[in-house]
Protein backbone atom coordinates (compact mmCIF):
# COMPACT_ATOMS: atom_id res chain seq x y z
CA MET A 1 211.53 92.89 138.40
CA ARG A 2 211.24 89.13 138.69
CA VAL A 3 211.37 87.78 135.13
CA VAL A 4 210.76 84.19 134.07
CA VAL A 5 212.52 83.26 130.82
CA ALA A 6 211.77 80.27 128.59
CA GLY A 7 214.35 79.53 125.90
CA SER A 8 217.17 80.92 128.03
CA SER A 9 219.88 78.67 126.56
CA GLY A 10 219.80 80.10 123.02
CA LEU A 11 221.75 83.02 121.60
CA ILE A 12 219.18 85.65 122.53
CA GLY A 13 218.07 83.97 125.76
CA THR A 14 221.58 83.67 127.15
CA SER A 15 222.33 87.32 126.46
CA LEU A 16 218.95 88.43 127.78
CA VAL A 17 219.44 86.64 131.10
CA ALA A 18 222.86 88.25 131.49
CA GLY A 19 221.48 91.68 130.57
CA LEU A 20 218.57 91.42 133.00
CA ARG A 21 220.86 90.43 135.81
CA GLN A 22 223.21 93.29 135.05
CA GLY A 23 220.15 95.50 135.47
CA GLU A 24 219.64 93.91 138.90
CA HIS A 25 216.51 92.02 137.89
CA GLU A 26 215.82 88.57 139.32
CA VAL A 27 215.69 85.88 136.62
CA VAL A 28 214.10 82.43 136.76
CA ARG A 29 214.93 80.11 133.86
CA LEU A 30 212.50 77.46 132.61
CA VAL A 31 214.27 74.24 131.59
CA ARG A 32 213.00 71.01 130.04
CA ARG A 33 215.07 68.80 132.34
CA ARG A 34 215.47 68.36 136.06
CA PRO A 35 216.60 71.70 137.58
CA ALA A 36 220.34 71.80 138.21
CA ALA A 37 220.70 75.35 139.58
CA PRO A 38 218.80 77.50 142.10
CA ASP A 39 217.40 79.75 139.36
CA GLU A 40 215.98 76.88 137.27
CA ARG A 41 212.43 75.52 137.21
CA SER A 42 211.27 72.60 135.09
CA TRP A 43 208.47 72.53 132.56
CA ASP A 44 207.35 70.13 129.83
CA PRO A 45 205.69 72.04 126.98
CA ASP A 46 205.30 68.90 124.88
CA ALA A 47 203.15 67.40 127.63
CA GLY A 48 201.45 70.72 128.33
CA LYS A 49 202.93 70.96 131.82
CA LEU A 50 203.91 74.20 133.54
CA ASP A 51 202.87 74.61 137.15
CA ALA A 52 201.36 78.09 137.45
CA GLU A 53 202.96 78.32 140.91
CA VAL A 54 206.32 78.68 139.14
CA LEU A 55 205.10 82.02 137.77
CA GLU A 56 203.58 83.35 140.97
CA GLY A 57 205.19 86.61 141.98
CA ALA A 58 206.68 87.14 138.52
CA ASP A 59 206.47 90.61 137.04
CA ALA A 60 206.99 89.36 133.49
CA VAL A 61 207.50 86.22 131.40
CA VAL A 62 209.64 86.15 128.26
CA ASN A 63 209.06 83.20 125.93
CA LEU A 64 211.89 82.63 123.44
CA SER A 65 211.49 78.87 123.09
CA GLY A 66 211.50 77.06 119.76
CA PRO A 67 213.95 75.30 117.41
CA GLY A 68 215.83 77.36 114.83
CA ILE A 69 213.88 78.08 111.65
CA GLY A 70 216.90 77.63 109.39
CA ASP A 71 218.75 74.91 111.28
CA LYS A 72 217.57 72.09 109.01
CA ARG A 73 216.13 71.62 105.53
CA TRP A 74 212.35 71.86 105.50
CA ASN A 75 210.21 68.84 104.80
CA PRO A 76 206.61 68.19 105.92
CA GLU A 77 207.75 66.66 109.21
CA ARG A 78 210.17 69.50 109.96
CA LYS A 79 207.54 72.13 109.17
CA ARG A 80 205.06 70.44 111.50
CA HIS A 81 207.69 70.40 114.24
CA LEU A 82 208.55 74.08 113.77
CA LEU A 83 204.88 75.01 113.96
CA GLN A 84 203.72 72.72 116.72
CA SER A 85 206.69 73.33 119.01
CA ARG A 86 206.18 77.10 118.94
CA VAL A 87 202.41 77.06 119.18
CA ARG A 88 202.32 74.42 121.90
CA SER A 89 204.95 76.04 124.13
CA THR A 90 203.27 79.43 123.77
CA GLU A 91 199.86 78.01 124.62
CA VAL A 92 201.25 76.40 127.76
CA ILE A 93 202.98 79.60 128.89
CA ALA A 94 200.04 81.87 128.02
CA LYS A 95 197.62 79.74 130.04
CA ALA A 96 199.99 79.65 133.02
CA VAL A 97 200.43 83.44 132.78
CA ALA A 98 196.64 83.79 132.87
CA VAL A 99 196.23 81.52 135.90
CA ALA A 100 199.12 83.10 137.84
CA GLY A 101 198.06 86.65 136.97
CA VAL A 102 201.44 87.66 135.55
CA PRO A 103 201.05 91.23 134.24
CA VAL A 104 203.39 91.02 131.21
CA LEU A 105 204.14 88.39 128.56
CA ALA A 106 206.78 89.12 125.91
CA ASN A 107 206.58 86.38 123.31
CA ALA A 108 208.96 85.69 120.46
CA SER A 109 207.83 85.99 116.85
CA ALA A 110 209.55 87.08 113.65
CA VAL A 111 209.34 89.62 110.82
CA GLY A 112 208.54 86.62 108.65
CA PHE A 113 204.99 87.42 109.77
CA TYR A 114 204.76 89.85 106.84
CA GLY A 115 205.86 87.43 104.11
CA ASP A 116 207.76 88.76 101.11
CA THR A 117 207.12 92.49 100.94
CA GLY A 118 209.68 93.46 98.31
CA SER A 119 210.92 97.02 98.69
CA HIS A 120 207.72 98.24 100.36
CA PRO A 121 208.35 99.37 103.98
CA VAL A 122 206.31 97.47 106.54
CA THR A 123 205.35 98.47 110.07
CA GLU A 124 203.58 96.67 112.88
CA THR A 125 200.21 97.53 111.29
CA SER A 126 201.05 95.86 107.96
CA PRO A 127 199.05 92.73 107.08
CA PRO A 128 200.44 89.19 107.36
CA GLY A 129 201.90 87.28 104.45
CA THR A 130 200.63 84.02 103.02
CA ASP A 131 203.68 81.73 102.95
CA PHE A 132 204.56 79.02 105.48
CA LEU A 133 206.64 81.24 107.75
CA ALA A 134 203.95 83.92 107.83
CA SER A 135 201.34 81.30 108.69
CA LEU A 136 203.59 79.96 111.44
CA CYS A 137 204.02 83.44 112.92
CA ARG A 138 200.26 84.13 112.83
CA ARG A 139 199.47 80.96 114.76
CA TRP A 140 202.44 81.49 117.10
CA GLU A 141 201.19 84.96 118.03
CA ALA A 142 197.56 83.82 118.30
CA ALA A 143 198.61 81.29 120.94
CA THR A 144 199.22 84.18 123.38
CA GLU A 145 195.50 85.01 123.49
CA PRO A 146 194.78 83.35 126.88
CA ALA A 147 197.25 85.73 128.52
CA ALA A 148 195.78 88.78 126.78
CA ASP A 149 192.23 87.68 127.63
CA ALA A 150 193.26 87.50 131.30
CA GLY A 151 194.47 91.12 131.18
CA ALA A 152 198.19 90.64 130.68
CA ARG A 153 200.10 93.16 128.58
CA VAL A 154 201.27 91.00 125.69
CA VAL A 155 204.18 92.10 123.50
CA LEU A 156 204.88 90.18 120.29
CA LEU A 157 208.61 90.34 119.56
CA ARG A 158 208.90 90.26 115.77
CA SER A 159 212.65 89.86 115.52
CA GLY A 160 214.78 90.40 112.45
CA LEU A 161 218.15 88.86 111.62
CA VAL A 162 220.33 89.16 114.71
CA ILE A 163 223.96 90.17 114.18
CA SER A 164 226.15 88.76 116.92
CA PRO A 165 229.87 88.06 117.32
CA SER A 166 229.15 84.60 118.71
CA GLY A 167 226.32 83.15 116.67
CA GLY A 168 223.25 83.91 114.60
CA LEU A 169 223.64 85.09 111.01
CA LEU A 170 227.39 85.77 111.14
CA ARG A 171 228.16 82.27 112.36
CA GLN A 172 226.67 80.94 109.12
CA LEU A 173 228.24 83.51 106.79
CA ARG A 174 231.70 84.13 108.24
CA PRO A 175 233.23 80.80 107.03
CA LEU A 176 232.10 81.48 103.44
CA PHE A 177 233.57 84.96 103.43
CA SER A 178 236.79 83.68 104.98
CA LEU A 179 237.13 81.33 101.99
CA MET A 180 236.39 84.16 99.54
CA LEU A 181 233.03 82.53 98.74
CA GLY A 182 230.81 85.35 99.94
CA GLY A 183 228.27 86.77 97.54
CA LYS A 184 224.76 88.04 97.11
CA LEU A 185 221.85 85.60 97.01
CA GLY A 186 219.79 85.62 93.83
CA SER A 187 219.09 89.14 92.60
CA GLY A 188 220.29 90.64 95.88
CA THR A 189 217.37 93.07 95.89
CA GLN A 190 215.54 91.35 98.76
CA TYR A 191 215.64 93.28 102.03
CA MET A 192 217.36 91.98 105.16
CA PRO A 193 215.85 93.38 108.37
CA TRP A 194 218.92 93.13 110.63
CA ILE A 195 219.43 94.10 114.28
CA SER A 196 222.51 93.93 116.49
CA LEU A 197 222.39 91.53 119.42
CA ASP A 198 222.98 94.43 121.82
CA ASP A 199 219.94 96.27 120.46
CA GLU A 200 217.84 93.09 120.42
CA ILE A 201 218.47 92.59 124.13
CA ALA A 202 218.04 96.28 124.95
CA ALA A 203 214.75 96.34 123.03
CA ILE A 204 213.37 93.34 124.94
CA ARG A 205 214.32 94.96 128.23
CA PHE A 206 212.77 98.22 126.99
CA VAL A 207 209.38 96.64 126.24
CA LEU A 208 209.37 94.83 129.57
CA GLU A 209 209.97 98.05 131.46
CA ASN A 210 207.73 100.33 129.36
CA PRO A 211 204.02 99.90 130.18
CA ASP A 212 202.98 101.84 127.08
CA VAL A 213 204.26 99.15 124.70
CA SER A 214 201.98 96.27 123.75
CA GLY A 215 201.06 94.19 120.74
CA PRO A 216 203.46 93.56 117.85
CA VAL A 217 206.88 95.25 117.95
CA ASN A 218 209.42 94.98 115.14
CA LEU A 219 212.83 94.25 116.64
CA THR A 220 214.85 95.48 113.67
CA GLY A 221 217.42 98.17 113.03
CA PRO A 222 216.18 101.52 111.72
CA ALA A 223 218.02 101.20 108.39
CA PRO A 224 217.24 97.90 106.65
CA VAL A 225 219.37 97.05 103.62
CA THR A 226 219.14 94.80 100.60
CA ASN A 227 221.00 91.53 100.44
CA ALA A 228 223.47 93.02 97.96
CA GLU A 229 224.16 95.93 100.32
CA PHE A 230 224.51 93.60 103.28
CA THR A 231 226.91 91.34 101.37
CA ARG A 232 229.10 94.28 100.36
CA ALA A 233 229.15 95.69 103.91
CA LEU A 234 229.98 92.33 105.47
CA GLY A 235 232.79 91.77 102.98
CA GLU A 236 234.25 95.14 103.89
CA ALA A 237 233.90 94.45 107.62
CA LEU A 238 235.70 91.12 107.28
CA GLY A 239 238.29 92.38 104.83
CA ARG A 240 237.14 89.84 102.26
CA PRO A 241 235.78 90.64 98.80
CA ALA A 242 232.35 89.22 98.00
CA PRO A 243 232.12 89.23 94.19
CA TRP A 244 230.01 86.13 93.70
CA THR A 245 226.32 85.60 93.06
CA VAL A 246 224.52 82.46 94.21
CA PRO A 247 221.75 81.86 91.66
CA GLY A 248 218.30 81.36 93.07
CA PHE A 249 217.87 77.98 91.38
CA ALA A 250 221.13 76.72 92.93
CA LEU A 251 220.03 77.86 96.37
CA ARG A 252 216.71 76.07 95.95
CA ILE A 253 218.48 72.86 94.90
CA ALA A 254 220.67 73.06 98.01
CA MET A 255 218.06 74.23 100.52
CA GLY A 256 214.67 73.33 99.09
CA GLU A 257 211.75 75.46 100.25
CA LEU A 258 213.94 76.95 103.00
CA ALA A 259 215.73 78.91 100.24
CA ASP A 260 212.71 81.17 99.97
CA THR A 261 213.59 82.68 103.36
CA ALA A 262 216.92 83.81 101.88
CA LEU A 263 215.58 84.94 98.49
CA THR A 264 212.72 87.02 99.89
CA GLY A 265 212.59 89.56 102.68
CA GLN A 266 210.92 92.38 104.54
CA ARG A 267 211.80 96.03 104.69
CA ALA A 268 210.60 96.04 108.28
CA MET A 269 210.78 99.27 110.23
CA PRO A 270 210.94 99.53 114.07
CA THR A 271 208.07 101.98 114.21
CA GLU A 272 206.79 101.07 117.67
CA LEU A 273 210.22 101.13 119.29
CA GLU A 274 211.04 104.55 117.86
CA ALA A 275 207.59 105.95 118.66
CA ASN A 276 208.09 105.00 122.31
CA GLY A 277 211.54 106.56 122.59
CA PHE A 278 213.88 103.60 122.15
CA THR A 279 217.43 104.62 121.17
CA PHE A 280 219.52 102.23 119.07
CA GLN A 281 223.11 101.65 120.08
CA HIS A 282 223.86 100.48 116.52
CA PRO A 283 221.55 102.42 114.18
CA THR A 284 223.43 101.47 111.00
CA LEU A 285 224.54 98.15 109.55
CA GLY A 286 228.15 99.36 109.56
CA ALA A 287 228.00 100.02 113.29
CA ALA A 288 226.39 96.64 113.99
CA LEU A 289 228.99 94.76 111.91
CA ALA A 290 231.85 96.69 113.49
CA ALA A 291 230.64 95.72 116.94
CA ALA A 292 230.19 92.08 115.92
CA THR A 293 233.49 91.66 114.08
CA GLY A 294 235.67 93.89 116.25
CA ARG A 295 236.84 95.87 113.23
């Protein structure tokens, strides 16, 4: 396949490009600067510019672009940027996909679509939540409509928390655990829908190659755990005890509204992946942490 990837410089994008090439697929990377390599093509989503000719001959487009949700404290300006950057870039890509007649668009989203669901299991048919992140995900996904209206098979990649040895969730948590400061957040009863980086990449490749998969797909491991269970397992994997509790009020003082993403969660199940025959390399949190920490 010839696959065009936007957002190829991030944690998931970098690994996806490598994985596709290992599978002998041709990859074209969209960049927001002047191309500096033969596989790069420029685009300017802020200005609404993506020449549809760049996508001609492509078998699929994967859109992973967008700034990190938890990289900075939320304020009104930051929330507008998180929303507008995702919606705008997706609109630009979806319209170009429609014009170029690309048959497949796999577009990033997140399990935050469902809002806080407590301990209730959620699948791809569950309704959306009502908080900011859920609203962002709804509008993000809706921006793919031009591609779907043109007949493209659109897959909405609702990713969970990615466990990787080189970034993602562990990059934020490992220093705290190394200093013996690891602990559960708030009550610890909120669910954490994790997935290993290897399975995240394999799942994206799976949906690209499987014509029966379309619509929303939860990219999460098959055994979600609570925050307390995750904290205990990570402490064991790192050989560091995690006896502490970070009170919810303290987290909100430190993080503001962003704290709600850590104090709430989704017990999201990968129903579509499993129904279509996807096999997880790391089906348990222990296996995912072992692979990420080398223990």
